[in-house]
Amino acid sequence: MNPRTTLILVVLAAALFGAVYWGEIRGADERREAEALEKLVFPDVEADAIEALAFDASDGQKVLLTRTDSGWRVAEPVDFPADDVAVDGLVSSLADLAIAVALFIGWRLRAMAMVQLAMVIGYTAILTVLAPALWGDPFGVLLKNLPIIALILVHRVLEEER
């Protein structure tokens, strides 16, 4: 390669680096804060603020779960301690369902991509700490999250280009 071509490539690489630095790195905190506010499906509700969940079964029976200092309890139809892990899983599943509905109807697609990304990375980080052996699972319990994260990022980039 001749020196002129090398110089052009170096200048282009420096310009690309500068564009990425100025466009992505500087001001990223402000952009993240704005996106965090934008991505909330229920911006005034925090997970820790949920004190009760009510469901109506298909047979008409009402189920009420309430949060107490010692954990979740089934308050209706009987008063009985609930399985905290199961209720937390239910709340998490409801969050997944809310994201799916938002994606299906096309509501704030870029924001939903960031919410998905945060949830997948959060699940992966928590499970990595609690059960690192899942990385070696033959069904790819955690390993599958890597291409999922890549697909979510591609989705977000494609939504930005629309």
N, C-alpha and C. Protein backbone atom coordinates (compact mmCIF):
# COMPACT_ATOMS: atom_id res chain seq x y z
N MET A 1 0.85 -1.17 0.00
CA MET A 1 0.00 0.00 0.00
C MET A 1 0.89 1.23 0.00
N ASN A 2 0.52 2.23 -0.79
CA ASN A 2 1.36 3.41 -0.84
C ASN A 2 1.04 4.34 0.34
N PRO A 3 1.94 5.24 0.66
CA PRO A 3 1.78 6.12 1.83
C PRO A 3 0.53 7.00 1.76
N ARG A 4 0.16 7.41 0.56
CA ARG A 4 -1.01 8.28 0.43
C ARG A 4 -2.29 7.52 0.86
N THR A 5 -2.44 6.29 0.41
CA THR A 5 -3.59 5.48 0.79
C THR A 5 -3.60 5.22 2.30
N THR A 6 -2.43 4.94 2.84
CA THR A 6 -2.33 4.71 4.29
C THR A 6 -2.75 5.96 5.06
N LEU A 7 -2.28 7.12 4.60
CA LEU A 7 -2.64 8.37 5.26
C LEU A 7 -4.15 8.61 5.20
N ILE A 8 -4.75 8.35 4.05
CA ILE A 8 -6.20 8.53 3.90
C ILE A 8 -6.95 7.60 4.86
N LEU A 9 -6.51 6.35 4.96
CA LEU A 9 -7.15 5.40 5.87
C LEU A 9 -6.99 5.81 7.33
N VAL A 10 -5.82 6.32 7.68
CA VAL A 10 -5.59 6.78 9.06
C VAL A 10 -6.49 7.98 9.37
N VAL A 11 -6.60 8.90 8.43
CA VAL A 11 -7.47 10.07 8.63
C VAL A 11 -8.93 9.63 8.76
N LEU A 12 -9.36 8.70 7.91
CA LEU A 12 -10.73 8.20 8.00
C LEU A 12 -10.98 7.49 9.33
N ALA A 13 -10.00 6.70 9.78
CA ALA A 13 -10.14 6.01 11.06
C ALA A 13 -10.21 7.02 12.20
N ALA A 14 -9.38 8.06 12.15
CA ALA A 14 -9.42 9.10 13.18
C ALA A 14 -10.75 9.84 13.16
N ALA A 15 -11.27 10.13 11.96
CA ALA A 15 -12.57 10.79 11.86
C ALA A 15 -13.69 9.91 12.40
N LEU A 16 -13.62 8.63 12.10
CA LEU A 16 -14.61 7.70 12.62
C LEU A 16 -14.53 7.62 14.14
N PHE A 17 -13.31 7.53 14.66
CA PHE A 17 -13.13 7.51 16.11
C PHE A 17 -13.68 8.79 16.73
N GLY A 18 -13.37 9.93 16.12
CA GLY A 18 -13.87 11.21 16.63
C GLY A 18 -15.39 11.28 16.61
N ALA A 19 -15.99 10.79 15.54
CA ALA A 19 -17.45 10.80 15.45
C ALA A 19 -18.07 9.92 16.53
N VAL A 20 -17.49 8.75 16.73
CA VAL A 20 -18.00 7.86 17.78
C VAL A 20 -17.80 8.49 19.15
N TYR A 21 -16.63 9.06 19.37
CA TYR A 21 -16.35 9.67 20.67
C TYR A 21 -17.31 10.82 20.95
N TRP A 22 -17.44 11.74 20.01
CA TRP A 22 -18.29 12.91 20.23
C TRP A 22 -19.77 12.56 20.19
N GLY A 23 -20.13 11.59 19.37
CA GLY A 23 -21.55 11.25 19.24
C GLY A 23 -22.06 10.27 20.26
N GLU A 24 -21.19 9.39 20.75
CA GLU A 24 -21.66 8.34 21.64
C GLU A 24 -21.14 8.46 23.07
N ILE A 25 -19.88 8.81 23.24
CA ILE A 25 -19.29 8.80 24.57
C ILE A 25 -19.59 10.09 25.33
N ARG A 26 -19.34 11.22 24.69
CA ARG A 26 -19.63 12.51 25.35
C ARG A 26 -21.13 12.73 25.36
N GLY A 27 -21.67 13.07 26.48
CA GLY A 27 -23.10 13.31 26.60
C GLY A 27 -23.91 12.03 26.76
N ALA A 28 -23.23 10.90 26.95
CA ALA A 28 -23.94 9.63 27.07
C ALA A 28 -24.78 9.59 28.35
N ASP A 29 -24.29 10.19 29.43
CA ASP A 29 -25.05 10.18 30.68
C ASP A 29 -26.38 10.89 30.52
N GLU A 30 -26.37 12.06 29.90
CA GLU A 30 -27.62 12.79 29.71
C GLU A 30 -28.56 12.01 28.80
N ARG A 31 -28.02 11.41 27.76
CA ARG A 31 -28.83 10.63 26.84
C ARG A 31 -29.43 9.41 27.54
N ARG A 32 -28.62 8.75 28.39
CA ARG A 32 -29.12 7.59 29.14
C ARG A 32 -30.23 7.97 30.09
N GLU A 33 -30.08 9.11 30.77
CA GLU A 33 -31.12 9.56 31.69
C GLU A 33 -32.41 9.86 30.94
N ALA A 34 -32.31 10.51 29.80
CA ALA A 34 -33.50 10.82 29.01
C ALA A 34 -34.15 9.53 28.50
N GLU A 35 -33.33 8.58 28.06
CA GLU A 35 -33.88 7.31 27.58
C GLU A 35 -34.50 6.52 28.72
N ALA A 36 -33.90 6.58 29.91
CA ALA A 36 -34.46 5.86 31.06
C ALA A 36 -35.86 6.37 31.38
N LEU A 37 -36.04 7.67 31.32
CA LEU A 37 -37.38 8.22 31.58
C LEU A 37 -38.34 7.86 30.46
N GLU A 38 -37.83 7.82 29.23
CA GLU A 38 -38.67 7.54 28.08
C GLU A 38 -39.10 6.08 28.03
N LYS A 39 -38.28 5.17 28.55
CA LYS A 39 -38.55 3.75 28.39
C LYS A 39 -39.52 3.17 29.41
N LEU A 40 -39.85 3.92 30.43
CA LEU A 40 -40.73 3.40 31.45
C LEU A 40 -42.16 3.27 30.93
N VAL A 41 -42.71 2.07 31.04
CA VAL A 41 -44.09 1.84 30.63
C VAL A 41 -45.03 2.54 31.61
N PHE A 42 -44.74 2.39 32.89
CA PHE A 42 -45.48 3.06 33.95
C PHE A 42 -44.48 3.92 34.71
N PRO A 43 -44.25 5.15 34.24
CA PRO A 43 -43.16 5.96 34.80
C PRO A 43 -43.33 6.31 36.27
N ASP A 44 -44.54 6.30 36.78
CA ASP A 44 -44.77 6.68 38.17
C ASP A 44 -44.77 5.49 39.11
N VAL A 45 -44.50 4.27 38.60
CA VAL A 45 -44.57 3.07 39.42
C VAL A 45 -43.19 2.43 39.51
N GLU A 46 -42.75 2.16 40.73
CA GLU A 46 -41.51 1.43 40.95
C GLU A 46 -41.86 0.04 41.46
N ALA A 47 -41.04 -0.96 41.13
CA ALA A 47 -41.34 -2.34 41.52
C ALA A 47 -41.48 -2.47 43.04
N ASP A 48 -40.64 -1.75 43.78
CA ASP A 48 -40.72 -1.83 45.24
C ASP A 48 -41.97 -1.16 45.78
N ALA A 49 -42.60 -0.32 44.98
CA ALA A 49 -43.81 0.38 45.43
C ALA A 49 -45.06 -0.47 45.26
N ILE A 50 -44.97 -1.59 44.54
CA ILE A 50 -46.14 -2.46 44.35
C ILE A 50 -46.41 -3.18 45.65
N GLU A 51 -47.57 -2.96 46.20
CA GLU A 51 -47.93 -3.55 47.49
C GLU A 51 -48.94 -4.66 47.36
N ALA A 52 -49.62 -4.75 46.21
CA ALA A 52 -50.63 -5.79 46.03
C ALA A 52 -50.81 -6.08 44.55
N LEU A 53 -51.18 -7.33 44.26
CA LEU A 53 -51.52 -7.76 42.92
C LEU A 53 -52.86 -8.47 43.01
N ALA A 54 -53.80 -8.11 42.16
CA ALA A 54 -55.12 -8.74 42.15
C ALA A 54 -55.37 -9.37 40.79
N PHE A 55 -55.89 -10.59 40.81
CA PHE A 55 -56.19 -11.34 39.59
C PHE A 55 -57.59 -11.91 39.70
N ASP A 56 -58.28 -11.98 38.58
CA ASP A 56 -59.57 -12.67 38.50
C ASP A 56 -59.35 -13.92 37.67
N ALA A 57 -59.60 -15.09 38.29
CA ALA A 57 -59.43 -16.36 37.59
C ALA A 57 -60.58 -16.55 36.60
N SER A 58 -60.40 -17.49 35.67
CA SER A 58 -61.44 -17.72 34.66
C SER A 58 -62.73 -18.23 35.28
N ASP A 59 -62.65 -18.85 36.46
CA ASP A 59 -63.86 -19.33 37.13
C ASP A 59 -64.51 -18.24 37.99
N GLY A 60 -64.00 -17.01 37.92
CA GLY A 60 -64.59 -15.90 38.66
C GLY A 60 -64.00 -15.68 40.05
N GLN A 61 -63.11 -16.55 40.48
CA GLN A 61 -62.52 -16.42 41.82
C GLN A 61 -61.45 -15.33 41.80
N LYS A 62 -61.46 -14.49 42.83
CA LYS A 62 -60.50 -13.41 42.93
C LYS A 62 -59.31 -13.86 43.77
N VAL A 63 -58.11 -13.55 43.28
CA VAL A 63 -56.88 -13.86 44.01
C VAL A 63 -56.19 -12.53 44.30
N LEU A 64 -55.84 -12.33 45.56
CA LEU A 64 -55.18 -11.10 45.97
C LEU A 64 -53.88 -11.44 46.67
N LEU A 65 -52.77 -10.90 46.16
CA LEU A 65 -51.45 -11.07 46.77
C LEU A 65 -51.06 -9.73 47.37
N THR A 66 -50.60 -9.74 48.62
CA THR A 66 -50.18 -8.50 49.27
C THR A 66 -48.76 -8.65 49.76
N ARG A 67 -48.03 -7.54 49.75
CA ARG A 67 -46.66 -7.54 50.24
C ARG A 67 -46.66 -7.11 51.71
N THR A 68 -45.94 -7.86 52.53
CA THR A 68 -45.78 -7.52 53.94
C THR A 68 -44.30 -7.37 54.22
N ASP A 69 -43.96 -7.03 55.45
CA ASP A 69 -42.55 -6.91 55.82
C ASP A 69 -41.81 -8.23 55.68
N SER A 70 -42.52 -9.34 55.88
CA SER A 70 -41.88 -10.65 55.81
C SER A 70 -41.95 -11.28 54.42
N GLY A 71 -42.58 -10.61 53.46
CA GLY A 71 -42.67 -11.15 52.10
C GLY A 71 -44.09 -11.06 51.58
N TRP A 72 -44.36 -11.79 50.51
CA TRP A 72 -45.68 -11.78 49.89
C TRP A 72 -46.60 -12.78 50.58
N ARG A 73 -47.90 -12.45 50.63
CA ARG A 73 -48.93 -13.32 51.20
C ARG A 73 -50.10 -13.39 50.24
N VAL A 74 -50.72 -14.56 50.20
CA VAL A 74 -51.99 -14.69 49.50
C VAL A 74 -53.05 -14.19 50.48
N ALA A 75 -53.72 -13.08 50.16
CA ALA A 75 -54.71 -12.51 51.06
C ALA A 75 -56.12 -13.03 50.75
N GLU A 76 -56.41 -13.30 49.51
CA GLU A 76 -57.69 -13.87 49.11
C GLU A 76 -57.42 -14.97 48.11
N PRO A 77 -58.12 -16.03 48.07
CA PRO A 77 -59.31 -16.40 48.80
C PRO A 77 -59.04 -16.88 50.23
N VAL A 78 -57.78 -17.18 50.56
CA VAL A 78 -57.42 -17.54 51.93
C VAL A 78 -56.21 -16.71 52.32
N ASP A 79 -56.00 -16.54 53.61
CA ASP A 79 -54.82 -15.81 54.07
C ASP A 79 -53.71 -16.82 54.33
N PHE A 80 -52.69 -16.80 53.46
CA PHE A 80 -51.64 -17.81 53.52
C PHE A 80 -50.36 -17.19 52.99
N PRO A 81 -49.18 -17.55 53.57
CA PRO A 81 -47.92 -17.00 53.04
C PRO A 81 -47.69 -17.46 51.59
N ALA A 82 -47.30 -16.53 50.77
CA ALA A 82 -47.03 -16.84 49.36
C ALA A 82 -45.55 -17.15 49.19
N ASP A 83 -45.24 -17.84 48.10
CA ASP A 83 -43.86 -18.15 47.76
C ASP A 83 -43.25 -16.89 47.13
N ASP A 84 -42.31 -16.26 47.85
CA ASP A 84 -41.72 -15.00 47.38
C ASP A 84 -41.09 -15.14 46.00
N VAL A 85 -40.40 -16.24 45.77
CA VAL A 85 -39.74 -16.44 44.48
C VAL A 85 -40.77 -16.54 43.37
N ALA A 86 -41.87 -17.26 43.62
CA ALA A 86 -42.91 -17.41 42.61
C ALA A 86 -43.58 -16.07 42.31
N VAL A 87 -43.86 -15.28 43.34
CA VAL A 87 -44.52 -13.99 43.12
C VAL A 87 -43.57 -13.04 42.40
N ASP A 88 -42.29 -13.02 42.79
CA ASP A 88 -41.33 -12.18 42.08
C ASP A 88 -41.20 -12.62 40.62
N GLY A 89 -41.27 -13.92 40.38
CA GLY A 89 -41.26 -14.43 39.01
C GLY A 89 -42.49 -13.99 38.24
N LEU A 90 -43.63 -13.96 38.93
CA LEU A 90 -44.87 -13.51 38.31
C LEU A 90 -44.78 -12.03 37.94
N VAL A 91 -44.24 -11.22 38.85
CA VAL A 91 -44.08 -9.79 38.57
C VAL A 91 -43.13 -9.59 37.39
N SER A 92 -42.06 -10.38 37.36
CA SER A 92 -41.11 -10.30 36.25
C SER A 92 -41.77 -10.72 34.94
N SER A 93 -42.59 -11.77 34.99
CA SER A 93 -43.29 -12.22 33.80
C SER A 93 -44.27 -11.17 33.31
N LEU A 94 -44.91 -10.48 34.24
CA LEU A 94 -45.83 -9.40 33.85
C LEU A 94 -45.07 -8.28 33.17
N ALA A 95 -43.85 -8.00 33.64
CA ALA A 95 -43.02 -6.98 32.98
C ALA A 95 -42.65 -7.43 31.57
N ASP A 96 -42.30 -8.71 31.41
CA ASP A 96 -42.00 -9.24 30.08
C ASP A 96 -43.22 -9.13 29.17
N LEU A 97 -44.40 -9.44 29.71
CA LEU A 97 -45.63 -9.36 28.93
C LEU A 97 -45.92 -7.92 28.52
N ALA A 98 -45.70 -6.97 29.42
CA ALA A 98 -45.93 -5.56 29.10
C ALA A 98 -45.01 -5.12 27.96
N ILE A 99 -43.75 -5.56 27.99
CA ILE A 99 -42.82 -5.23 26.91
C ILE A 99 -43.28 -5.86 25.60
N ALA A 100 -43.72 -7.11 25.66
CA ALA A 100 -44.19 -7.79 24.44
C ALA A 100 -45.39 -7.07 23.83
N VAL A 101 -46.32 -6.64 24.67
CA VAL A 101 -47.49 -5.92 24.17
C VAL A 101 -47.05 -4.59 23.55
N ALA A 102 -46.13 -3.89 24.23
CA ALA A 102 -45.64 -2.61 23.70
C ALA A 102 -44.96 -2.80 22.34
N LEU A 103 -44.18 -3.86 22.19
CA LEU A 103 -43.53 -4.14 20.91
C LEU A 103 -44.56 -4.51 19.85
N PHE A 104 -45.55 -5.28 20.24
CA PHE A 104 -46.57 -5.74 19.29
C PHE A 104 -47.37 -4.57 18.72
N ILE A 105 -47.70 -3.61 19.57
CA ILE A 105 -48.49 -2.47 19.09
C ILE A 105 -47.61 -1.34 18.56
N GLY A 106 -46.28 -1.49 18.69
CA GLY A 106 -45.36 -0.50 18.15
C GLY A 106 -45.20 0.73 19.01
N TRP A 107 -45.37 0.58 20.31
CA TRP A 107 -45.29 1.72 21.23
C TRP A 107 -43.86 1.92 21.70
N ARG A 108 -43.27 3.07 21.39
CA ARG A 108 -41.91 3.45 21.82
C ARG A 108 -40.91 2.31 21.62
N LEU A 109 -40.74 1.92 20.38
CA LEU A 109 -39.92 0.75 20.07
C LEU A 109 -38.47 0.90 20.53
N ARG A 110 -37.89 2.09 20.36
CA ARG A 110 -36.50 2.28 20.80
C ARG A 110 -36.40 2.15 22.31
N ALA A 111 -37.34 2.72 23.01
CA ALA A 111 -37.33 2.65 24.47
C ALA A 111 -37.53 1.20 24.94
N MET A 112 -38.42 0.50 24.27
CA MET A 112 -38.67 -0.90 24.64
C MET A 112 -37.42 -1.76 24.39
N ALA A 113 -36.68 -1.42 23.36
CA ALA A 113 -35.43 -2.16 23.10
C ALA A 113 -34.47 -1.97 24.26
N MET A 114 -34.40 -0.76 24.80
CA MET A 114 -33.52 -0.51 25.94
C MET A 114 -34.03 -1.23 27.19
N VAL A 115 -35.33 -1.28 27.38
CA VAL A 115 -35.90 -2.01 28.51
C VAL A 115 -35.58 -3.50 28.37
N GLN A 116 -35.76 -4.05 27.16
CA GLN A 116 -35.41 -5.45 26.93
C GLN A 116 -33.94 -5.70 27.23
N LEU A 117 -33.11 -4.81 26.73
CA LEU A 117 -31.67 -4.95 26.93
C LEU A 117 -31.34 -4.96 28.42
N ALA A 118 -31.92 -4.03 29.16
CA ALA A 118 -31.67 -3.97 30.61
C ALA A 118 -32.14 -5.24 31.31
N MET A 119 -33.29 -5.75 30.91
CA MET A 119 -33.81 -6.96 31.56
C MET A 119 -32.95 -8.18 31.25
N VAL A 120 -32.57 -8.35 29.99
CA VAL A 120 -31.76 -9.52 29.62
C VAL A 120 -30.40 -9.45 30.30
N ILE A 121 -29.78 -8.28 30.28
CA ILE A 121 -28.48 -8.14 30.94
C ILE A 121 -28.63 -8.34 32.45
N GLY A 122 -29.71 -7.80 33.01
CA GLY A 122 -29.95 -7.98 34.45
C GLY A 122 -30.14 -9.44 34.82
N TYR A 123 -31.00 -10.16 34.07
CA TYR A 123 -31.19 -11.59 34.33
C TYR A 123 -29.87 -12.33 34.22
N THR A 124 -29.13 -12.03 33.16
CA THR A 124 -27.87 -12.73 32.92
C THR A 124 -26.88 -12.47 34.05
N ALA A 125 -26.77 -11.22 34.49
CA ALA A 125 -25.84 -10.89 35.58
C ALA A 125 -26.24 -11.58 36.88
N ILE A 126 -27.51 -11.54 37.20
CA ILE A 126 -27.97 -12.17 38.44
C ILE A 126 -27.74 -13.68 38.41
N LEU A 127 -28.10 -14.32 37.29
CA LEU A 127 -27.90 -15.76 37.20
C LEU A 127 -26.43 -16.13 37.13
N THR A 128 -25.60 -15.26 36.57
CA THR A 128 -24.16 -15.52 36.55
C THR A 128 -23.60 -15.55 37.96
N VAL A 129 -24.08 -14.64 38.80
CA VAL A 129 -23.61 -14.61 40.18
C VAL A 129 -24.17 -15.78 40.98
N LEU A 130 -25.48 -16.06 40.82
CA LEU A 130 -26.13 -17.10 41.62
C LEU A 130 -25.83 -18.51 41.14
N ALA A 131 -25.72 -18.69 39.84
CA ALA A 131 -25.52 -20.04 39.29
C ALA A 131 -24.62 -19.99 38.05
N PRO A 132 -23.32 -19.76 38.23
CA PRO A 132 -22.42 -19.63 37.07
C PRO A 132 -22.35 -20.88 36.21
N ALA A 133 -22.73 -22.04 36.76
CA ALA A 133 -22.69 -23.27 35.97
C ALA A 133 -23.67 -23.24 34.81
N LEU A 134 -24.64 -22.34 34.85
CA LEU A 134 -25.61 -22.25 33.75
C LEU A 134 -24.96 -21.84 32.43
N TRP A 135 -23.76 -21.22 32.49
CA TRP A 135 -23.06 -20.87 31.25
C TRP A 135 -22.66 -22.12 30.47
N GLY A 136 -22.45 -23.24 31.19
CA GLY A 136 -22.06 -24.48 30.53
C GLY A 136 -23.22 -25.41 30.25
N ASP A 137 -24.44 -24.99 30.52
CA ASP A 137 -25.62 -25.82 30.32
C ASP A 137 -25.75 -26.22 28.86
N PRO A 138 -26.05 -27.50 28.58
CA PRO A 138 -26.15 -27.94 27.19
C PRO A 138 -27.24 -27.23 26.39
N PHE A 139 -28.27 -26.71 27.06
CA PHE A 139 -29.34 -26.01 26.36
C PHE A 139 -29.06 -24.51 26.25
N GLY A 140 -27.91 -24.06 26.70
CA GLY A 140 -27.51 -22.67 26.54
C GLY A 140 -28.37 -21.69 27.32
N VAL A 141 -28.68 -22.02 28.56
CA VAL A 141 -29.57 -21.19 29.38
C VAL A 141 -29.10 -19.74 29.42
N LEU A 142 -27.82 -19.51 29.64
CA LEU A 142 -27.29 -18.15 29.65
C LEU A 142 -26.59 -17.79 28.35
N LEU A 143 -26.00 -18.77 27.71
CA LEU A 143 -25.25 -18.50 26.49
C LEU A 143 -26.13 -17.93 25.39
N LYS A 144 -27.39 -18.33 25.35
CA LYS A 144 -28.30 -17.82 24.32
C LYS A 144 -28.57 -16.33 24.47
N ASN A 145 -28.30 -15.78 25.65
CA ASN A 145 -28.54 -14.36 25.86
C ASN A 145 -27.59 -13.48 25.06
N LEU A 146 -26.41 -13.98 24.71
CA LEU A 146 -25.46 -13.18 23.93
C LEU A 146 -26.01 -12.84 22.55
N PRO A 147 -26.50 -13.82 21.76
CA PRO A 147 -27.09 -13.41 20.47
C PRO A 147 -28.40 -12.64 20.65
N ILE A 148 -29.13 -12.90 21.73
CA ILE A 148 -30.36 -12.14 21.97
C ILE A 148 -30.02 -10.67 22.21
N ILE A 149 -28.97 -10.42 22.98
CA ILE A 149 -28.53 -9.04 23.22
C ILE A 149 -28.13 -8.38 21.89
N ALA A 150 -27.41 -9.13 21.06
CA ALA A 150 -27.00 -8.59 19.75
C ALA A 150 -28.23 -8.27 18.90
N LEU A 151 -29.24 -9.13 18.90
CA LEU A 151 -30.45 -8.88 18.12
C LEU A 151 -31.23 -7.69 18.65
N ILE A 152 -31.27 -7.53 19.97
CA ILE A 152 -31.95 -6.36 20.55
C ILE A 152 -31.23 -5.08 20.12
N LEU A 153 -29.90 -5.10 20.12
CA LEU A 153 -29.14 -3.93 19.69
C LEU A 153 -29.38 -3.63 18.21
N VAL A 154 -29.44 -4.67 17.38
CA VAL A 154 -29.74 -4.47 15.95
C VAL A 154 -31.13 -3.87 15.80
N HIS A 155 -32.09 -4.38 16.55
CA HIS A 155 -33.46 -3.83 16.52
C HIS A 155 -33.46 -2.36 16.87
N ARG A 156 -32.70 -2.00 17.89
CA ARG A 156 -32.65 -0.60 18.33
C ARG A 156 -32.04 0.29 17.24
N VAL A 157 -30.96 -0.19 16.63
CA VAL A 157 -30.32 0.59 15.56
C VAL A 157 -31.27 0.76 14.38
N LEU A 158 -31.97 -0.31 14.02
CA LEU A 158 -32.91 -0.22 12.90
C LEU A 158 -34.06 0.73 13.21
N GLU A 159 -34.49 0.77 14.44
CA GLU A 159 -35.56 1.71 14.83
C GLU A 159 -35.07 3.14 14.78
N GLU A 160 -33.79 3.37 15.09
CA GLU A 160 -33.24 4.72 15.03
C GLU A 160 -33.17 5.21 13.58
N GLU A 161 -32.97 4.29 12.65
CA GLU A 161 -32.85 4.67 11.24
C GLU A 161 -34.19 4.94 10.59
N ARG A 162 -35.29 4.52 11.22
CA ARG A 162 -36.63 4.75 10.63
C ARG A 162 -36.99 6.20 10.68
